[in-house]
Amino acid sequence: DAFPPRRYGKVESAFYEAHKYISRRVHKQ
């Protein structure tokens, strides 16, 4: 719901945006 593929064009782009967003907010890798 937070990273819908329709917004990013494809699933891999949604993965990348989710990775960028979440990795800034967690302490682990």
PDB file of all heavy atoms in Angstrom:
ATOM      1  N   ASP A   1       0.813  -1.213   0.000  1.00  0.00           N
ATOM      2  CA  ASP A   1       0.000   0.000   0.000  1.00  0.00           C
ATOM      3  C   ASP A   1       0.849   1.267   0.000  1.00  0.00           C
ATOM      4  O   ASP A   1       0.483   2.266  -0.617  1.00  0.00           O
ATOM      5  CB  ASP A   1      -0.933   0.021   1.210  1.00  0.00           C
ATOM      6  CG  ASP A   1      -2.046  -1.004   1.110  1.00  0.00           C
ATOM      7  OD1 ASP A   1      -2.299  -1.504  -0.011  1.00  0.00           O
ATOM      8  OD2 ASP A   1      -2.660  -1.315   2.158  1.00  0.00           O
ATOM      9  N   ALA A   2       1.974   1.227   0.699  1.00  0.00           N
ATOM     10  CA  ALA A   2       2.826   2.409   0.808  1.00  0.00           C
ATOM     11  C   ALA A   2       3.661   2.649  -0.451  1.00  0.00           C
ATOM     12  O   ALA A   2       4.008   3.795  -0.759  1.00  0.00           O
ATOM     13  CB  ALA A   2       3.753   2.287   2.016  1.00  0.00           C
ATOM     14  N   PHE A   3       3.989   1.592  -1.171  1.00  0.00           N
ATOM     15  CA  PHE A   3       4.811   1.718  -2.374  1.00  0.00           C
ATOM     16  C   PHE A   3       4.121   0.992  -3.531  1.00  0.00           C
ATOM     17  O   PHE A   3       4.577  -0.056  -3.979  1.00  0.00           O
ATOM     18  CB  PHE A   3       6.211   1.142  -2.123  1.00  0.00           C
ATOM     19  CG  PHE A   3       6.941   1.838  -1.022  1.00  0.00           C
ATOM     20  CD1 PHE A   3       6.962   1.318   0.262  1.00  0.00           C
ATOM     21  CD2 PHE A   3       7.592   3.036  -1.258  1.00  0.00           C
ATOM     22  CE1 PHE A   3       7.623   1.967   1.292  1.00  0.00           C
ATOM     23  CE2 PHE A   3       8.254   3.693  -0.235  1.00  0.00           C
ATOM     24  CZ  PHE A   3       8.274   3.163   1.040  1.00  0.00           C
ATOM     25  N   PRO A   4       3.008   1.560  -4.029  1.00  0.00           N
ATOM     26  CA  PRO A   4       2.264   0.873  -5.090  1.00  0.00           C
ATOM     27  C   PRO A   4       3.029   0.907  -6.417  1.00  0.00           C
ATOM     28  O   PRO A   4       3.565   1.947  -6.809  1.00  0.00           O
ATOM     29  CB  PRO A   4       0.968   1.683  -5.190  1.00  0.00           C
ATOM     30  CG  PRO A   4       1.313   3.025  -4.660  1.00  0.00           C
ATOM     31  CD  PRO A   4       2.381   2.806  -3.620  1.00  0.00           C
ATOM     32  N   PRO A   5       3.094  -0.216  -7.104  1.00  0.00           N
ATOM     33  CA  PRO A   5       3.814  -0.254  -8.391  1.00  0.00           C
ATOM     34  C   PRO A   5       3.223   0.690  -9.431  1.00  0.00           C
ATOM     35  O   PRO A   5       3.945   1.191 -10.282  1.00  0.00           O
ATOM     36  CB  PRO A   5       3.676  -1.700  -8.841  1.00  0.00           C
ATOM     37  CG  PRO A   5       3.380  -2.471  -7.614  1.00  0.00           C
ATOM     38  CD  PRO A   5       2.653  -1.536  -6.705  1.00  0.00           C
ATOM     39  N   ARG A   6       1.916   0.994  -9.357  1.00  0.00           N
ATOM     40  CA  ARG A   6       1.315   1.895 -10.333  1.00  0.00           C
ATOM     41  C   ARG A   6       1.907   3.299 -10.229  1.00  0.00           C
ATOM     42  O   ARG A   6       1.959   4.014 -11.208  1.00  0.00           O
ATOM     43  CB  ARG A   6      -0.196   1.928 -10.190  1.00  0.00           C
ATOM     44  CG  ARG A   6      -0.689   2.482  -8.879  1.00  0.00           C
ATOM     45  CD  ARG A   6      -2.198   2.590  -8.816  1.00  0.00           C
ATOM     46  NE  ARG A   6      -2.846   2.698  -7.564  1.00  0.00           N
ATOM     47  CZ  ARG A   6      -2.453   3.307  -6.465  1.00  0.00           C
ATOM     48  NH1 ARG A   6      -1.297   3.869  -6.416  1.00  0.00           N
ATOM     49  NH2 ARG A   6      -3.188   3.355  -5.380  1.00  0.00           N
ATOM     50  N   ARG A   7       2.369   3.658  -9.063  1.00  0.00           N
ATOM     51  CA  ARG A   7       2.985   4.976  -8.888  1.00  0.00           C
ATOM     52  C   ARG A   7       4.418   4.994  -9.429  1.00  0.00           C
ATOM     53  O   ARG A   7       4.864   5.990  -9.978  1.00  0.00           O
ATOM     54  CB  ARG A   7       2.994   5.346  -7.408  1.00  0.00           C
ATOM     55  CG  ARG A   7       3.697   6.650  -7.134  1.00  0.00           C
ATOM     56  CD  ARG A   7       3.657   7.007  -5.674  1.00  0.00           C
ATOM     57  NE  ARG A   7       4.497   8.161  -5.446  1.00  0.00           N
ATOM     58  CZ  ARG A   7       5.045   8.456  -4.302  1.00  0.00           C
ATOM     59  NH1 ARG A   7       4.825   7.694  -3.261  1.00  0.00           N
ATOM     60  NH2 ARG A   7       5.799   9.505  -4.172  1.00  0.00           N
ATOM     61  N   TYR A   8       5.124   3.897  -9.274  1.00  0.00           N
ATOM     62  CA  TYR A   8       6.533   3.851  -9.647  1.00  0.00           C
ATOM     63  C   TYR A   8       6.774   3.236 -11.021  1.00  0.00           C
ATOM     64  O   TYR A   8       7.906   3.238 -11.494  1.00  0.00           O
ATOM     65  CB  TYR A   8       7.326   3.075  -8.581  1.00  0.00           C
ATOM     66  CG  TYR A   8       7.273   3.763  -7.243  1.00  0.00           C
ATOM     67  CD1 TYR A   8       6.432   3.296  -6.239  1.00  0.00           C
ATOM     68  CD2 TYR A   8       8.029   4.890  -6.998  1.00  0.00           C
ATOM     69  CE1 TYR A   8       6.378   3.932  -5.015  1.00  0.00           C
ATOM     70  CE2 TYR A   8       7.972   5.531  -5.779  1.00  0.00           C
ATOM     71  CZ  TYR A   8       7.138   5.054  -4.792  1.00  0.00           C
ATOM     72  OH  TYR A   8       7.074   5.691  -3.591  1.00  0.00           O
ATOM     73  N   GLY A   9       5.750   2.699 -11.646  1.00  0.00           N
ATOM     74  CA  GLY A   9       5.897   2.160 -12.986  1.00  0.00           C
ATOM     75  C   GLY A   9       6.121   0.665 -13.030  1.00  0.00           C
ATOM     76  O   GLY A   9       5.615  -0.005 -13.905  1.00  0.00           O
ATOM     77  N   LYS A  10       6.890   0.134 -12.119  1.00  0.00           N
ATOM     78  CA  LYS A  10       7.100  -1.310 -12.051  1.00  0.00           C
ATOM     79  C   LYS A  10       7.502  -1.701 -10.637  1.00  0.00           C
ATOM     80  O   LYS A  10       7.858  -0.852  -9.815  1.00  0.00           O
ATOM     81  CB  LYS A  10       8.140  -1.776 -13.065  1.00  0.00           C
ATOM     82  CG  LYS A  10       9.491  -1.136 -12.950  1.00  0.00           C
ATOM     83  CD  LYS A  10      10.390  -1.640 -14.060  1.00  0.00           C
ATOM     84  CE  LYS A  10      11.802  -1.110 -13.876  1.00  0.00           C
ATOM     85  NZ  LYS A  10      12.717  -1.704 -14.818  1.00  0.00           N
ATOM     86  N   VAL A  11       7.452  -2.976 -10.364  1.00  0.00           N
ATOM     87  CA  VAL A  11       7.672  -3.483  -9.007  1.00  0.00           C
ATOM     88  C   VAL A  11       9.104  -3.222  -8.547  1.00  0.00           C
ATOM     89  O   VAL A  11       9.327  -2.847  -7.389  1.00  0.00           O
ATOM     90  CB  VAL A  11       7.330  -4.985  -8.935  1.00  0.00           C
ATOM     91  CG1 VAL A  11       7.645  -5.548  -7.578  1.00  0.00           C
ATOM     92  CG2 VAL A  11       5.874  -5.216  -9.266  1.00  0.00           C
ATOM     93  N   GLU A  12      10.080  -3.389  -9.439  1.00  0.00           N
ATOM     94  CA  GLU A  12      11.477  -3.185  -9.055  1.00  0.00           C
ATOM     95  C   GLU A  12      11.735  -1.748  -8.602  1.00  0.00           C
ATOM     96  O   GLU A  12      12.498  -1.505  -7.671  1.00  0.00           O
ATOM     97  CB  GLU A  12      12.417  -3.554 -10.205  1.00  0.00           C
ATOM     98  CG  GLU A  12      12.535  -5.044 -10.454  1.00  0.00           C
ATOM     99  CD  GLU A  12      11.355  -5.614 -11.231  1.00  0.00           C
ATOM    100  OE1 GLU A  12      10.597  -4.829 -11.844  1.00  0.00           O
ATOM    101  OE2 GLU A  12      11.183  -6.839 -11.204  1.00  0.00           O
ATOM    102  N   SER A  13      11.073  -0.791  -9.253  1.00  0.00           N
ATOM    103  CA  SER A  13      11.213   0.611  -8.842  1.00  0.00           C
ATOM    104  C   SER A  13      10.588   0.836  -7.471  1.00  0.00           C
ATOM    105  O   SER A  13      11.121   1.598  -6.657  1.00  0.00           O
ATOM    106  CB  SER A  13      10.557   1.528  -9.873  1.00  0.00           C
ATOM    107  OG  SER A  13      11.180   1.392 -11.116  1.00  0.00           O
ATOM    108  N   ALA A  14       9.470   0.176  -7.226  1.00  0.00           N
ATOM    109  CA  ALA A  14       8.839   0.273  -5.904  1.00  0.00           C
ATOM    110  C   ALA A  14       9.750  -0.334  -4.839  1.00  0.00           C
ATOM    111  O   ALA A  14       9.868   0.216  -3.740  1.00  0.00           O
ATOM    112  CB  ALA A  14       7.481  -0.431  -5.915  1.00  0.00           C
ATOM    113  N   PHE A  15      10.416  -1.458  -5.166  1.00  0.00           N
ATOM    114  CA  PHE A  15      11.373  -2.063  -4.237  1.00  0.00           C
ATOM    115  C   PHE A  15      12.485  -1.077  -3.900  1.00  0.00           C
ATOM    116  O   PHE A  15      12.877  -0.929  -2.746  1.00  0.00           O
ATOM    117  CB  PHE A  15      12.003  -3.319  -4.827  1.00  0.00           C
ATOM    118  CG  PHE A  15      11.095  -4.511  -4.921  1.00  0.00           C
ATOM    119  CD1 PHE A  15      11.515  -5.632  -5.590  1.00  0.00           C
ATOM    120  CD2 PHE A  15       9.847  -4.522  -4.347  1.00  0.00           C
ATOM    121  CE1 PHE A  15      10.712  -6.752  -5.691  1.00  0.00           C
ATOM    122  CE2 PHE A  15       9.023  -5.626  -4.438  1.00  0.00           C
ATOM    123  CZ  PHE A  15       9.453  -6.740  -5.109  1.00  0.00           C
ATOM    124  N   TYR A  16      13.025  -0.429  -4.922  1.00  0.00           N
ATOM    125  CA  TYR A  16      14.137   0.489  -4.722  1.00  0.00           C
ATOM    126  C   TYR A  16      13.711   1.665  -3.843  1.00  0.00           C
ATOM    127  O   TYR A  16      14.446   2.059  -2.926  1.00  0.00           O
ATOM    128  CB  TYR A  16      14.652   0.987  -6.076  1.00  0.00           C
ATOM    129  CG  TYR A  16      15.780   1.966  -5.953  1.00  0.00           C
ATOM    130  CD1 TYR A  16      17.051   1.548  -5.576  1.00  0.00           C
ATOM    131  CD2 TYR A  16      15.580   3.322  -6.184  1.00  0.00           C
ATOM    132  CE1 TYR A  16      18.085   2.447  -5.431  1.00  0.00           C
ATOM    133  CE2 TYR A  16      16.612   4.226  -6.054  1.00  0.00           C
ATOM    134  CZ  TYR A  16      17.858   3.788  -5.678  1.00  0.00           C
ATOM    135  OH  TYR A  16      18.881   4.683  -5.536  1.00  0.00           O
ATOM    136  N   GLU A  17      12.539   2.233  -4.103  1.00  0.00           N
ATOM    137  CA  GLU A  17      12.055   3.355  -3.294  1.00  0.00           C
ATOM    138  C   GLU A  17      11.788   2.917  -1.858  1.00  0.00           C
ATOM    139  O   GLU A  17      12.091   3.655  -0.912  1.00  0.00           O
ATOM    140  CB  GLU A  17      10.795   3.963  -3.912  1.00  0.00           C
ATOM    141  CG  GLU A  17      11.047   4.682  -5.204  1.00  0.00           C
ATOM    142  CD  GLU A  17      11.998   5.863  -5.066  1.00  0.00           C
ATOM    143  OE1 GLU A  17      11.922   6.584  -4.052  1.00  0.00           O
ATOM    144  OE2 GLU A  17      12.823   6.051  -5.976  1.00  0.00           O
ATOM    145  N   ALA A  18      11.234   1.730  -1.687  1.00  0.00           N
ATOM    146  CA  ALA A  18      10.997   1.202  -0.335  1.00  0.00           C
ATOM    147  C   ALA A  18      12.323   0.997   0.389  1.00  0.00           C
ATOM    148  O   ALA A  18      12.453   1.331   1.571  1.00  0.00           O
ATOM    149  CB  ALA A  18      10.219  -0.109  -0.408  1.00  0.00           C
ATOM    150  N   HIS A  19      13.300   0.478  -0.314  1.00  0.00           N
ATOM    151  CA  HIS A  19      14.625   0.269   0.270  1.00  0.00           C
ATOM    152  C   HIS A  19      15.219   1.598   0.715  1.00  0.00           C
ATOM    153  O   HIS A  19      15.748   1.715   1.823  1.00  0.00           O
ATOM    154  CB  HIS A  19      15.536  -0.426  -0.741  1.00  0.00           C
ATOM    155  CG  HIS A  19      16.954  -0.515  -0.293  1.00  0.00           C
ATOM    156  ND1 HIS A  19      17.924   0.340  -0.751  1.00  0.00           N
ATOM    157  CD2 HIS A  19      17.553  -1.338   0.591  1.00  0.00           C
ATOM    158  CE1 HIS A  19      19.067   0.041  -0.175  1.00  0.00           C
ATOM    159  NE2 HIS A  19      18.873  -0.981   0.648  1.00  0.00           N
ATOM    160  N   LYS A  20      15.152   2.604  -0.142  1.00  0.00           N
ATOM    161  CA  LYS A  20      15.690   3.928   0.201  1.00  0.00           C
ATOM    162  C   LYS A  20      14.989   4.495   1.430  1.00  0.00           C
ATOM    163  O   LYS A  20      15.633   5.009   2.337  1.00  0.00           O
ATOM    164  CB  LYS A  20      15.492   4.903  -0.972  1.00  0.00           C
ATOM    165  CG  LYS A  20      16.676   5.030  -1.849  1.00  0.00           C
ATOM    166  CD  LYS A  20      16.619   6.125  -2.897  1.00  0.00           C
ATOM    167  CE  LYS A  20      15.395   6.930  -3.020  1.00  0.00           C
ATOM    168  NZ  LYS A  20      15.405   7.869  -4.137  1.00  0.00           N
ATOM    169  N   TYR A  21      13.671   4.404   1.445  1.00  0.00           N
ATOM    170  CA  TYR A  21      12.902   4.990   2.537  1.00  0.00           C
ATOM    171  C   TYR A  21      13.146   4.271   3.853  1.00  0.00           C
ATOM    172  O   TYR A  21      13.419   4.894   4.878  1.00  0.00           O
ATOM    173  CB  TYR A  21      11.406   4.955   2.188  1.00  0.00           C
ATOM    174  CG  TYR A  21      10.550   5.646   3.205  1.00  0.00           C
ATOM    175  CD1 TYR A  21      10.307   7.001   3.118  1.00  0.00           C
ATOM    176  CD2 TYR A  21       9.995   4.945   4.269  1.00  0.00           C
ATOM    177  CE1 TYR A  21       9.528   7.649   4.059  1.00  0.00           C
ATOM    178  CE2 TYR A  21       9.222   5.581   5.218  1.00  0.00           C
ATOM    179  CZ  TYR A  21       8.988   6.930   5.110  1.00  0.00           C
ATOM    180  OH  TYR A  21       8.233   7.566   6.051  1.00  0.00           O
ATOM    181  N   ILE A  22      13.054   2.953   3.837  1.00  0.00           N
ATOM    182  CA  ILE A  22      13.142   2.184   5.082  1.00  0.00           C
ATOM    183  C   ILE A  22      14.568   2.141   5.617  1.00  0.00           C
ATOM    184  O   ILE A  22      14.782   2.219   6.827  1.00  0.00           O
ATOM    185  CB  ILE A  22      12.568   0.768   4.884  1.00  0.00           C
ATOM    186  CG1 ILE A  22      11.074   0.877   4.561  1.00  0.00           C
ATOM    187  CG2 ILE A  22      12.770  -0.090   6.115  1.00  0.00           C
ATOM    188  CD1 ILE A  22      10.447  -0.409   4.116  1.00  0.00           C
ATOM    189  N   SER A  23      15.564   2.034   4.737  1.00  0.00           N
ATOM    190  CA  SER A  23      16.951   1.924   5.209  1.00  0.00           C
ATOM    191  C   SER A  23      17.405   3.181   5.946  1.00  0.00           C
ATOM    192  O   SER A  23      18.283   3.111   6.802  1.00  0.00           O
ATOM    193  CB  SER A  23      17.895   1.617   4.045  1.00  0.00           C
ATOM    194  OG  SER A  23      17.898   2.664   3.118  1.00  0.00           O
ATOM    195  N   ARG A  24      16.787   4.335   5.642  1.00  0.00           N
ATOM    196  CA  ARG A  24      17.114   5.564   6.382  1.00  0.00           C
ATOM    197  C   ARG A  24      16.506   5.571   7.776  1.00  0.00           C
ATOM    198  O   ARG A  24      16.941   6.341   8.632  1.00  0.00           O
ATOM    199  CB  ARG A  24      16.612   6.786   5.623  1.00  0.00           C
ATOM    200  CG  ARG A  24      17.454   7.120   4.410  1.00  0.00           C
ATOM    201  CD  ARG A  24      16.938   8.350   3.733  1.00  0.00           C
ATOM    202  NE  ARG A  24      15.846   7.930   2.859  1.00  0.00           N
ATOM    203  CZ  ARG A  24      14.933   8.723   2.356  1.00  0.00           C
ATOM    204  NH1 ARG A  24      14.926   9.998   2.643  1.00  0.00           N
ATOM    205  NH2 ARG A  24      13.981   8.264   1.583  1.00  0.00           N
ATOM    206  N   ARG A  25      15.519   4.735   8.024  1.00  0.00           N
ATOM    207  CA  ARG A  25      14.795   4.768   9.283  1.00  0.00           C
ATOM    208  C   ARG A  25      15.066   3.590  10.212  1.00  0.00           C
ATOM    209  O   ARG A  25      14.500   3.536  11.297  1.00  0.00           O
ATOM    210  CB  ARG A  25      13.306   4.860   8.989  1.00  0.00           C
ATOM    211  CG  ARG A  25      12.942   6.246   8.486  1.00  0.00           C
ATOM    212  CD  ARG A  25      11.584   6.300   7.861  1.00  0.00           C
ATOM    213  NE  ARG A  25      11.211   7.651   7.487  1.00  0.00           N
ATOM    214  CZ  ARG A  25      11.712   8.301   6.442  1.00  0.00           C
ATOM    215  NH1 ARG A  25      12.604   7.739   5.672  1.00  0.00           N
ATOM    216  NH2 ARG A  25      11.324   9.540   6.175  1.00  0.00           N
ATOM    217  N   VAL A  26      15.872   2.635   9.779  1.00  0.00           N
ATOM    218  CA  VAL A  26      16.222   1.509  10.642  1.00  0.00           C
ATOM    219  C   VAL A  26      17.719   1.521  10.918  1.00  0.00           C
ATOM    220  O   VAL A  26      18.497   2.049  10.126  1.00  0.00           O
ATOM    221  CB  VAL A  26      15.800   0.151  10.030  1.00  0.00           C
ATOM    222  CG1 VAL A  26      14.288   0.073   9.878  1.00  0.00           C
ATOM    223  CG2 VAL A  26      16.462  -0.100   8.712  1.00  0.00           C
ATOM    224  N   HIS A  27      18.096   0.942  12.052  1.00  0.00           N
ATOM    225  CA  HIS A  27      19.505   0.952  12.446  1.00  0.00           C
ATOM    226  C   HIS A  27      20.293  -0.207  11.862  1.00  0.00           C
ATOM    227  O   HIS A  27      21.501  -0.155  11.767  1.00  0.00           O
ATOM    228  CB  HIS A  27      19.611   0.930  13.976  1.00  0.00           C
ATOM    229  CG  HIS A  27      19.160   2.211  14.584  1.00  0.00           C
ATOM    230  ND1 HIS A  27      17.852   2.441  14.924  1.00  0.00           N
ATOM    231  CD2 HIS A  27      19.830   3.345  14.885  1.00  0.00           C
ATOM    232  CE1 HIS A  27      17.737   3.660  15.427  1.00  0.00           C
ATOM    233  NE2 HIS A  27      18.917   4.231  15.424  1.00  0.00           N
ATOM    234  N   LYS A  28      19.610  -1.260  11.472  1.00  0.00           N
ATOM    235  CA  LYS A  28      20.316  -2.417  10.917  1.00  0.00           C
ATOM    236  C   LYS A  28      20.444  -2.274   9.402  1.00  0.00           C
ATOM    237  O   LYS A  28      19.831  -1.400   8.790  1.00  0.00           O
ATOM    238  CB  LYS A  28      19.576  -3.705  11.260  1.00  0.00           C
ATOM    239  CG  LYS A  28      18.240  -3.847  10.577  1.00  0.00           C
ATOM    240  CD  LYS A  28      17.649  -5.188  10.872  1.00  0.00           C
ATOM    241  CE  LYS A  28      16.495  -5.451   9.904  1.00  0.00           C
ATOM    242  NZ  LYS A  28      16.092  -6.806   9.906  1.00  0.00           N
ATOM    243  N   GLN A  29      21.216  -3.151   8.809  1.00  0.00           N
ATOM    244  CA  GLN A  29      21.360  -3.133   7.359  1.00  0.00           C
ATOM    245  C   GLN A  29      20.060  -3.657   6.738  1.00  0.00           C
ATOM    246  O   GLN A  29      19.591  -4.737   7.074  1.00  0.00           O
ATOM    247  CB  GLN A  29      22.535  -4.009   6.929  1.00  0.00           C
ATOM    248  CG  GLN A  29      22.776  -3.978   5.442  1.00  0.00           C
ATOM    249  CD  GLN A  29      23.934  -4.873   5.035  1.00  0.00           C
ATOM    250  OE1 GLN A  29      24.511  -5.552   5.868  1.00  0.00           O
ATOM    251  NE2 GLN A  29      24.259  -4.860   3.775  1.00  0.00           N
TER     252      GLN A  29
END
